[in-house]
Amino acid sequence: MVTPSQVTNVTTKLLRATDVAQRLCISRSLAYKLMISGELPTVRFGGSVRVRETDLDEYIARHWSGWEKSN
């Protein structure tokens, strides 16, 4: 669990589900499913749910297969 002091030491952008979907090239509903399931860590306040940009970058790195199109 992240403590408040850890959060204040990190400056990061909070992304909406539409931002996450755009970055991953997936539907907004699939982005919400990843967020609700906990596969993507979220920050919740009021009625809002956001994903820290750093958490999304880590998620992408964990799921990167390393495959690249060859010439």
N, C-alpha and C. Protein backbone atom coordinates (compact mmCIF):
# COMPACT_ATOMS: atom_id res chain seq x y z
N MET A 1 0.83 -1.17 0.00
CA MET A 1 0.00 0.00 0.00
C MET A 1 0.88 1.25 0.00
N VAL A 2 0.45 2.24 -0.74
CA VAL A 2 1.20 3.49 -0.85
C VAL A 2 0.79 4.42 0.28
N THR A 3 1.79 4.97 0.95
CA THR A 3 1.51 5.92 2.02
C THR A 3 1.40 7.33 1.45
N PRO A 4 0.73 8.24 2.14
CA PRO A 4 0.62 9.62 1.65
C PRO A 4 1.97 10.28 1.38
N SER A 5 2.98 9.99 2.19
CA SER A 5 4.29 10.60 1.97
C SER A 5 4.90 10.12 0.66
N GLN A 6 4.65 8.87 0.26
CA GLN A 6 5.15 8.37 -1.01
C GLN A 6 4.47 9.06 -2.17
N VAL A 7 3.20 9.35 -2.03
CA VAL A 7 2.46 10.00 -3.10
C VAL A 7 2.96 11.42 -3.30
N THR A 8 3.23 12.14 -2.24
CA THR A 8 3.68 13.52 -2.37
C THR A 8 5.07 13.62 -2.96
N ASN A 9 5.86 12.58 -2.87
CA ASN A 9 7.21 12.58 -3.43
C ASN A 9 7.21 12.29 -4.92
N VAL A 10 6.09 11.90 -5.47
CA VAL A 10 6.01 11.53 -6.87
C VAL A 10 5.04 12.46 -7.58
N THR A 11 5.52 13.11 -8.63
CA THR A 11 4.64 13.93 -9.43
C THR A 11 4.25 13.11 -10.64
N THR A 12 2.97 12.83 -10.76
CA THR A 12 2.50 11.99 -11.86
C THR A 12 1.14 12.47 -12.32
N LYS A 13 0.85 12.21 -13.55
CA LYS A 13 -0.43 12.58 -14.12
C LYS A 13 -1.45 11.49 -13.81
N LEU A 14 -2.68 11.89 -13.49
CA LEU A 14 -3.77 10.93 -13.27
C LEU A 14 -4.59 10.84 -14.54
N LEU A 15 -4.79 9.61 -15.01
CA LEU A 15 -5.46 9.37 -16.28
C LEU A 15 -6.87 8.86 -16.09
N ARG A 16 -7.79 9.32 -16.91
CA ARG A 16 -9.16 8.81 -16.94
C ARG A 16 -9.19 7.53 -17.76
N ALA A 17 -10.30 6.82 -17.68
CA ALA A 17 -10.46 5.58 -18.43
C ALA A 17 -10.31 5.83 -19.94
N THR A 18 -10.80 6.96 -20.41
CA THR A 18 -10.66 7.27 -21.84
C THR A 18 -9.20 7.46 -22.23
N ASP A 19 -8.41 8.05 -21.33
CA ASP A 19 -6.97 8.23 -21.58
C ASP A 19 -6.26 6.87 -21.61
N VAL A 20 -6.61 6.01 -20.66
CA VAL A 20 -6.04 4.66 -20.60
C VAL A 20 -6.38 3.89 -21.87
N ALA A 21 -7.64 3.95 -22.27
CA ALA A 21 -8.08 3.24 -23.47
C ALA A 21 -7.32 3.72 -24.70
N GLN A 22 -7.13 5.01 -24.80
CA GLN A 22 -6.41 5.58 -25.94
C GLN A 22 -4.97 5.11 -25.96
N ARG A 23 -4.31 5.13 -24.80
CA ARG A 23 -2.90 4.71 -24.73
C ARG A 23 -2.72 3.24 -25.05
N LEU A 24 -3.70 2.40 -24.66
CA LEU A 24 -3.60 0.97 -24.89
C LEU A 24 -4.26 0.52 -26.19
N CYS A 25 -4.92 1.46 -26.89
CA CYS A 25 -5.66 1.14 -28.12
C CYS A 25 -6.71 0.07 -27.86
N ILE A 26 -7.48 0.28 -26.79
CA ILE A 26 -8.57 -0.63 -26.43
C ILE A 26 -9.83 0.20 -26.22
N SER A 27 -10.94 -0.47 -26.02
CA SER A 27 -12.19 0.25 -25.77
C SER A 27 -12.19 0.83 -24.36
N ARG A 28 -13.02 1.84 -24.16
CA ARG A 28 -13.14 2.45 -22.85
C ARG A 28 -13.70 1.44 -21.85
N SER A 29 -14.63 0.60 -22.29
CA SER A 29 -15.22 -0.39 -21.38
C SER A 29 -14.17 -1.41 -20.93
N LEU A 30 -13.26 -1.79 -21.81
CA LEU A 30 -12.19 -2.71 -21.40
C LEU A 30 -11.23 -2.03 -20.43
N ALA A 31 -10.98 -0.75 -20.64
CA ALA A 31 -10.14 0.00 -19.71
C ALA A 31 -10.78 0.01 -18.32
N TYR A 32 -12.10 0.25 -18.28
CA TYR A 32 -12.81 0.22 -16.99
C TYR A 32 -12.71 -1.16 -16.35
N LYS A 33 -12.83 -2.22 -17.14
CA LYS A 33 -12.73 -3.58 -16.59
C LYS A 33 -11.36 -3.81 -15.96
N LEU A 34 -10.30 -3.35 -16.62
CA LEU A 34 -8.95 -3.50 -16.07
C LEU A 34 -8.81 -2.73 -14.77
N MET A 35 -9.45 -1.57 -14.71
CA MET A 35 -9.37 -0.73 -13.52
C MET A 35 -10.19 -1.33 -12.38
N ILE A 36 -11.40 -1.77 -12.67
CA ILE A 36 -12.28 -2.32 -11.64
C ILE A 36 -11.75 -3.64 -11.09
N SER A 37 -11.15 -4.46 -11.97
CA SER A 37 -10.64 -5.76 -11.54
C SER A 37 -9.39 -5.64 -10.67
N GLY A 38 -8.75 -4.47 -10.72
CA GLY A 38 -7.52 -4.28 -9.95
C GLY A 38 -6.28 -4.61 -10.74
N GLU A 39 -6.46 -5.05 -11.99
CA GLU A 39 -5.29 -5.35 -12.82
C GLU A 39 -4.47 -4.08 -13.06
N LEU A 40 -5.16 -2.97 -13.16
CA LEU A 40 -4.52 -1.65 -13.22
C LEU A 40 -4.82 -0.96 -11.89
N PRO A 41 -3.80 -0.60 -11.12
CA PRO A 41 -4.04 0.08 -9.85
C PRO A 41 -4.73 1.43 -10.09
N THR A 42 -5.63 1.78 -9.19
CA THR A 42 -6.38 3.01 -9.36
C THR A 42 -6.27 3.91 -8.13
N VAL A 43 -6.57 5.17 -8.36
CA VAL A 43 -6.70 6.17 -7.31
C VAL A 43 -8.16 6.58 -7.32
N ARG A 44 -8.82 6.49 -6.17
CA ARG A 44 -10.24 6.83 -6.09
C ARG A 44 -10.45 8.01 -5.16
N PHE A 45 -11.25 8.95 -5.62
CA PHE A 45 -11.64 10.07 -4.78
C PHE A 45 -12.99 10.55 -5.28
N GLY A 46 -13.91 10.72 -4.33
CA GLY A 46 -15.28 11.05 -4.71
C GLY A 46 -15.83 9.97 -5.64
N GLY A 47 -16.43 10.39 -6.71
CA GLY A 47 -16.94 9.44 -7.70
C GLY A 47 -15.97 9.17 -8.83
N SER A 48 -14.75 9.66 -8.70
CA SER A 48 -13.76 9.54 -9.77
C SER A 48 -12.81 8.38 -9.54
N VAL A 49 -12.43 7.74 -10.63
CA VAL A 49 -11.43 6.68 -10.60
C VAL A 49 -10.38 7.04 -11.63
N ARG A 50 -9.14 7.06 -11.22
CA ARG A 50 -8.04 7.44 -12.11
C ARG A 50 -6.90 6.44 -11.99
N VAL A 51 -6.06 6.41 -13.01
CA VAL A 51 -4.87 5.57 -13.04
C VAL A 51 -3.66 6.50 -13.11
N ARG A 52 -2.70 6.28 -12.23
CA ARG A 52 -1.47 7.08 -12.31
C ARG A 52 -0.73 6.70 -13.59
N GLU A 53 -0.20 7.68 -14.26
CA GLU A 53 0.53 7.44 -15.51
C GLU A 53 1.68 6.46 -15.30
N THR A 54 2.35 6.56 -14.17
CA THR A 54 3.46 5.65 -13.88
C THR A 54 2.97 4.21 -13.73
N ASP A 55 1.78 4.02 -13.14
CA ASP A 55 1.22 2.67 -13.02
C ASP A 55 0.86 2.09 -14.39
N LEU A 56 0.35 2.94 -15.28
CA LEU A 56 0.04 2.47 -16.64
C LEU A 56 1.32 2.10 -17.37
N ASP A 57 2.36 2.90 -17.22
CA ASP A 57 3.65 2.58 -17.85
C ASP A 57 4.19 1.24 -17.34
N GLU A 58 4.06 1.00 -16.04
CA GLU A 58 4.51 -0.28 -15.47
C GLU A 58 3.67 -1.44 -15.99
N TYR A 59 2.37 -1.23 -16.12
CA TYR A 59 1.47 -2.25 -16.66
C TYR A 59 1.89 -2.62 -18.08
N ILE A 60 2.17 -1.61 -18.89
CA ILE A 60 2.61 -1.85 -20.27
C ILE A 60 3.92 -2.62 -20.28
N ALA A 61 4.87 -2.23 -19.45
CA ALA A 61 6.17 -2.91 -19.39
C ALA A 61 6.01 -4.37 -18.97
N ARG A 62 5.12 -4.65 -18.00
CA ARG A 62 4.90 -6.03 -17.56
C ARG A 62 4.31 -6.91 -18.65
N HIS A 63 3.50 -6.31 -19.53
CA HIS A 63 2.81 -7.08 -20.55
C HIS A 63 3.48 -7.01 -21.91
N TRP A 64 4.59 -6.33 -21.99
CA TRP A 64 5.31 -6.21 -23.25
C TRP A 64 5.93 -7.54 -23.61
N SER A 65 5.65 -8.02 -24.81
CA SER A 65 6.17 -9.31 -25.24
C SER A 65 7.54 -9.19 -25.87
N GLY A 66 7.93 -7.97 -26.23
CA GLY A 66 9.22 -7.78 -26.86
C GLY A 66 9.19 -7.99 -28.35
N TRP A 67 8.01 -8.30 -28.88
CA TRP A 67 7.88 -8.55 -30.30
C TRP A 67 7.93 -7.24 -31.06
N GLU A 68 8.76 -7.21 -32.08
CA GLU A 68 8.82 -6.04 -32.94
C GLU A 68 8.77 -6.51 -34.38
N LYS A 69 8.13 -5.73 -35.20
CA LYS A 69 8.03 -6.06 -36.62
C LYS A 69 9.40 -5.91 -37.26
N SER A 70 9.83 -6.92 -37.97
CA SER A 70 11.12 -6.85 -38.64
C SER A 70 10.94 -6.32 -40.05
N ASN A 71 12.01 -5.74 -40.58
CA ASN A 71 11.94 -5.15 -41.93
C ASN A 71 12.01 -6.19 -42.98
